[in-house]
Amino acid sequence: MEITQIIVICFIGVIMIAILGQNNKEYGTYIRIVIGVIVFAAIFMKLASVAEQFTSIINKTNLSSTYVGIILKIIGIAYLSEFGSQICKDASETAFATKIEFAGKILIMLIAMPIITAILDEVSNFFV
């Protein structure tokens, strides 16, 4: 699904919300969630090619597959937390959106610790 198709789906969602959401606010929320899930599912299918490209990069270089795996997890958490946060904001639940964003940041920090430790080890070896 290319970007033009995603834009068309979102525009259809906007029109549906304008028509159905005037009388019933719940329908607007449901439409936002359904359209968001459709867009996410369409994009999620493209992630397989990204993973293949990362695998190709790992095979061509001396990069540790452990670190690349960590980076992919970080990217995934960032995108998923942003997606979840936006769905909550669309439903006018900003408190939940903020909690999702905070949890995503904490999880990213925890998962990144091996990379941070490796960088600090290299820096400390450089100065010794």
C-alpha atoms as a PDB file:
ATOM      1  CA  MET A   1       0.000   0.000   0.000  1.00  0.00           C
ATOM      2  CA  GLU A   2       1.598   3.201  -1.136  1.00  0.00           C
ATOM      3  CA  ILE A   3       1.307   6.602   0.484  1.00  0.00           C
ATOM      4  CA  THR A   4      -1.416   7.776  -1.920  1.00  0.00           C
ATOM      5  CA  GLN A   5      -3.607   4.842  -0.922  1.00  0.00           C
ATOM      6  CA  ILE A   6      -3.004   5.592   2.763  1.00  0.00           C
ATOM      7  CA  ILE A   7      -3.902   9.241   2.204  1.00  0.00           C
ATOM      8  CA  VAL A   8      -7.108   8.235   0.402  1.00  0.00           C
ATOM      9  CA  ILE A   9      -8.060   5.884   3.261  1.00  0.00           C
ATOM     10  CA  CYS A  10      -7.446   8.680   5.780  1.00  0.00           C
ATOM     11  CA  PHE A  11      -9.482  11.158   3.731  1.00  0.00           C
ATOM     12  CA  ILE A  12     -12.340   8.656   3.591  1.00  0.00           C
ATOM     13  CA  GLY A  13     -12.063   8.385   7.377  1.00  0.00           C
ATOM     14  CA  VAL A  14     -12.197  12.165   7.725  1.00  0.00           C
ATOM     15  CA  ILE A  15     -15.304  12.337   5.544  1.00  0.00           C
ATOM     16  CA  MET A  16     -16.964   9.518   7.497  1.00  0.00           C
ATOM     17  CA  ILE A  17     -16.173  11.274  10.774  1.00  0.00           C
ATOM     18  CA  ALA A  18     -17.573  14.549   9.422  1.00  0.00           C
ATOM     19  CA  ILE A  19     -20.789  12.841   8.376  1.00  0.00           C
ATOM     20  CA  LEU A  20     -21.332  10.276  11.144  1.00  0.00           C
ATOM     21  CA  GLY A  21     -19.462  12.000  13.949  1.00  0.00           C
ATOM     22  CA  GLN A  22     -21.706  15.053  13.978  1.00  0.00           C
ATOM     23  CA  ASN A  23     -24.546  13.236  15.651  1.00  0.00           C
ATOM     24  CA  ASN A  24     -22.636  10.521  17.459  1.00  0.00           C
ATOM     25  CA  LYS A  25     -19.167  11.185  18.889  1.00  0.00           C
ATOM     26  CA  GLU A  26     -18.573   7.468  19.568  1.00  0.00           C
ATOM     27  CA  TYR A  27     -18.696   6.716  15.849  1.00  0.00           C
ATOM     28  CA  GLY A  28     -15.929   9.221  15.262  1.00  0.00           C
ATOM     29  CA  THR A  29     -13.733   7.488  17.799  1.00  0.00           C
ATOM     30  CA  TYR A  30     -14.451   4.066  16.312  1.00  0.00           C
ATOM     31  CA  ILE A  31     -13.705   5.303  12.807  1.00  0.00           C
ATOM     32  CA  ARG A  32     -10.401   6.834  13.956  1.00  0.00           C
ATOM     33  CA  ILE A  33      -9.355   3.576  15.583  1.00  0.00           C
ATOM     34  CA  VAL A  34     -10.337   1.424  12.596  1.00  0.00           C
ATOM     35  CA  ILE A  35      -8.580   3.695  10.098  1.00  0.00           C
ATOM     36  CA  GLY A  36      -5.515   3.801  12.350  1.00  0.00           C
ATOM     37  CA  VAL A  37      -5.389   0.015  12.543  1.00  0.00           C
ATOM     38  CA  ILE A  38      -5.804  -0.301   8.762  1.00  0.00           C
ATOM     39  CA  VAL A  39      -2.944   2.123   8.141  1.00  0.00           C
ATOM     40  CA  PHE A  40      -0.769   0.426  10.748  1.00  0.00           C
ATOM     41  CA  ALA A  41      -1.454  -3.014   9.248  1.00  0.00           C
ATOM     42  CA  ALA A  42      -0.584  -1.750   5.781  1.00  0.00           C
ATOM     43  CA  ILE A  43       2.691  -0.275   6.980  1.00  0.00           C
ATOM     44  CA  PHE A  44       3.497  -3.275   9.176  1.00  0.00           C
ATOM     45  CA  MET A  45       3.671  -5.443   6.062  1.00  0.00           C
ATOM     46  CA  LYS A  46       6.467  -3.230   4.721  1.00  0.00           C
ATOM     47  CA  LEU A  47       8.610  -3.927   7.781  1.00  0.00           C
ATOM     48  CA  ALA A  48       9.619  -7.320   6.406  1.00  0.00           C
ATOM     49  CA  SER A  49      11.615  -5.621   3.647  1.00  0.00           C
ATOM     50  CA  VAL A  50      13.268  -3.331   6.200  1.00  0.00           C
ATOM     51  CA  ALA A  51      14.309  -6.367   8.256  1.00  0.00           C
ATOM     52  CA  GLU A  52      15.731  -7.999   5.122  1.00  0.00           C
ATOM     53  CA  GLN A  53      17.772  -4.891   4.363  1.00  0.00           C
ATOM     54  CA  PHE A  54      19.140  -4.828   7.919  1.00  0.00           C
ATOM     55  CA  THR A  55      20.064  -8.502   7.581  1.00  0.00           C
ATOM     56  CA  SER A  56      21.899  -7.677   4.365  1.00  0.00           C
ATOM     57  CA  ILE A  57      23.795  -4.862   6.090  1.00  0.00           C
ATOM     58  CA  ILE A  58      24.768  -7.172   8.951  1.00  0.00           C
ATOM     59  CA  ASN A  59      26.072  -9.763   6.517  1.00  0.00           C
ATOM     60  CA  LYS A  60      28.141  -7.192   4.586  1.00  0.00           C
ATOM     61  CA  THR A  61      29.718  -5.517   7.620  1.00  0.00           C
ATOM     62  CA  ASN A  62      31.232  -6.424  10.942  1.00  0.00           C
ATOM     63  CA  LEU A  63      28.240  -5.125  12.882  1.00  0.00           C
ATOM     64  CA  SER A  64      27.147  -7.274  15.759  1.00  0.00           C
ATOM     65  CA  SER A  65      23.733  -8.771  15.135  1.00  0.00           C
ATOM     66  CA  THR A  66      23.012  -8.210  18.830  1.00  0.00           C
ATOM     67  CA  TYR A  67      23.348  -4.446  18.464  1.00  0.00           C
ATOM     68  CA  VAL A  68      21.342  -4.368  15.257  1.00  0.00           C
ATOM     69  CA  GLY A  69      18.596  -6.372  16.985  1.00  0.00           C
ATOM     70  CA  ILE A  70      18.566  -3.852  19.812  1.00  0.00           C
ATOM     71  CA  ILE A  71      18.325  -0.977  17.345  1.00  0.00           C
ATOM     72  CA  LEU A  72      15.411  -2.659  15.556  1.00  0.00           C
ATOM     73  CA  LYS A  73      13.622  -3.159  18.887  1.00  0.00           C
ATOM     74  CA  ILE A  74      14.158   0.499  19.749  1.00  0.00           C
ATOM     75  CA  ILE A  75      12.745   1.610  16.401  1.00  0.00           C
ATOM     76  CA  GLY A  76       9.769  -0.713  16.862  1.00  0.00           C
ATOM     77  CA  ILE A  77       9.024   0.565  20.353  1.00  0.00           C
ATOM     78  CA  ALA A  78       9.297   4.169  19.170  1.00  0.00           C
ATOM     79  CA  TYR A  79       6.849   3.644  16.317  1.00  0.00           C
ATOM     80  CA  LEU A  80       4.411   1.540  18.325  1.00  0.00           C
ATOM     81  CA  SER A  81       4.349   3.942  21.257  1.00  0.00           C
ATOM     82  CA  GLU A  82       3.809   6.871  18.893  1.00  0.00           C
ATOM     83  CA  PHE A  83       0.993   4.985  17.153  1.00  0.00           C
ATOM     84  CA  GLY A  84      -0.678   4.053  20.439  1.00  0.00           C
ATOM     85  CA  SER A  85      -0.297   7.577  21.724  1.00  0.00           C
ATOM     86  CA  GLN A  86      -1.894   9.056  18.614  1.00  0.00           C
ATOM     87  CA  ILE A  87      -4.844   6.682  18.875  1.00  0.00           C
ATOM     88  CA  CYS A  88      -5.389   7.791  22.469  1.00  0.00           C
ATOM     89  CA  LYS A  89      -5.125  11.443  21.452  1.00  0.00           C
ATOM     90  CA  ASP A  90      -7.662  10.851  18.672  1.00  0.00           C
ATOM     91  CA  ALA A  91     -10.004   9.448  21.313  1.00  0.00           C
ATOM     92  CA  SER A  92      -9.375  12.579  23.458  1.00  0.00           C
ATOM     93  CA  GLU A  93      -7.557  10.524  26.087  1.00  0.00           C
ATOM     94  CA  THR A  94      -4.413  12.601  26.423  1.00  0.00           C
ATOM     95  CA  ALA A  95      -3.606  11.175  29.859  1.00  0.00           C
ATOM     96  CA  PHE A  96      -3.310   7.675  28.397  1.00  0.00           C
ATOM     97  CA  ALA A  97      -1.342   9.038  25.441  1.00  0.00           C
ATOM     98  CA  THR A  98       1.179  10.628  27.791  1.00  0.00           C
ATOM     99  CA  LYS A  99       1.539   7.393  29.744  1.00  0.00           C
ATOM    100  CA  ILE A 100       2.194   5.422  26.553  1.00  0.00           C
ATOM    101  CA  GLU A 101       4.837   7.930  25.470  1.00  0.00           C
ATOM    102  CA  PHE A 102       6.520   7.803  28.886  1.00  0.00           C
ATOM    103  CA  ALA A 103       6.484   3.988  28.952  1.00  0.00           C
ATOM    104  CA  GLY A 104       7.970   3.883  25.449  1.00  0.00           C
ATOM    105  CA  LYS A 105      10.815   6.192  26.468  1.00  0.00           C
ATOM    106  CA  ILE A 106      11.604   4.127  29.553  1.00  0.00           C
ATOM    107  CA  LEU A 107      11.558   0.868  27.574  1.00  0.00           C
ATOM    108  CA  ILE A 108      13.829   2.364  24.920  1.00  0.00           C
ATOM    109  CA  MET A 109      16.270   3.452  27.607  1.00  0.00           C
ATOM    110  CA  LEU A 110      16.273  -0.021  29.173  1.00  0.00           C
ATOM    111  CA  ILE A 111      16.754  -1.808  25.878  1.00  0.00           C
ATOM    112  CA  ALA A 112      19.526   0.607  24.834  1.00  0.00           C
ATOM    113  CA  MET A 113      21.615  -0.031  27.957  1.00  0.00           C
ATOM    114  CA  PRO A 114      23.917  -2.638  26.310  1.00  0.00           C
ATOM    115  CA  ILE A 115      24.749  -0.175  23.522  1.00  0.00           C
ATOM    116  CA  ILE A 116      25.290   2.675  25.992  1.00  0.00           C
ATOM    117  CA  THR A 117      27.523   0.429  28.116  1.00  0.00           C
ATOM    118  CA  ALA A 118      29.572  -0.632  25.074  1.00  0.00           C
ATOM    119  CA  ILE A 119      30.050   2.989  24.011  1.00  0.00           C
ATOM    120  CA  LEU A 120      31.107   4.036  27.507  1.00  0.00           C
ATOM    121  CA  ASP A 121      33.543   1.105  27.674  1.00  0.00           C
ATOM    122  CA  GLU A 122      35.124   2.149  24.377  1.00  0.00           C
ATOM    123  CA  VAL A 123      35.386   5.769  25.477  1.00  0.00           C
ATOM    124  CA  SER A 124      36.963   4.804  28.792  1.00  0.00           C
ATOM    125  CA  ASN A 125      39.463   2.531  26.997  1.00  0.00           C
ATOM    126  CA  PHE A 126      40.359   5.389  24.710  1.00  0.00           C
ATOM    127  CA  PHE A 127      41.335   7.625  27.616  1.00  0.00           C
ATOM    128  CA  VAL A 128      43.243   4.971  29.554  1.00  0.00           C
END
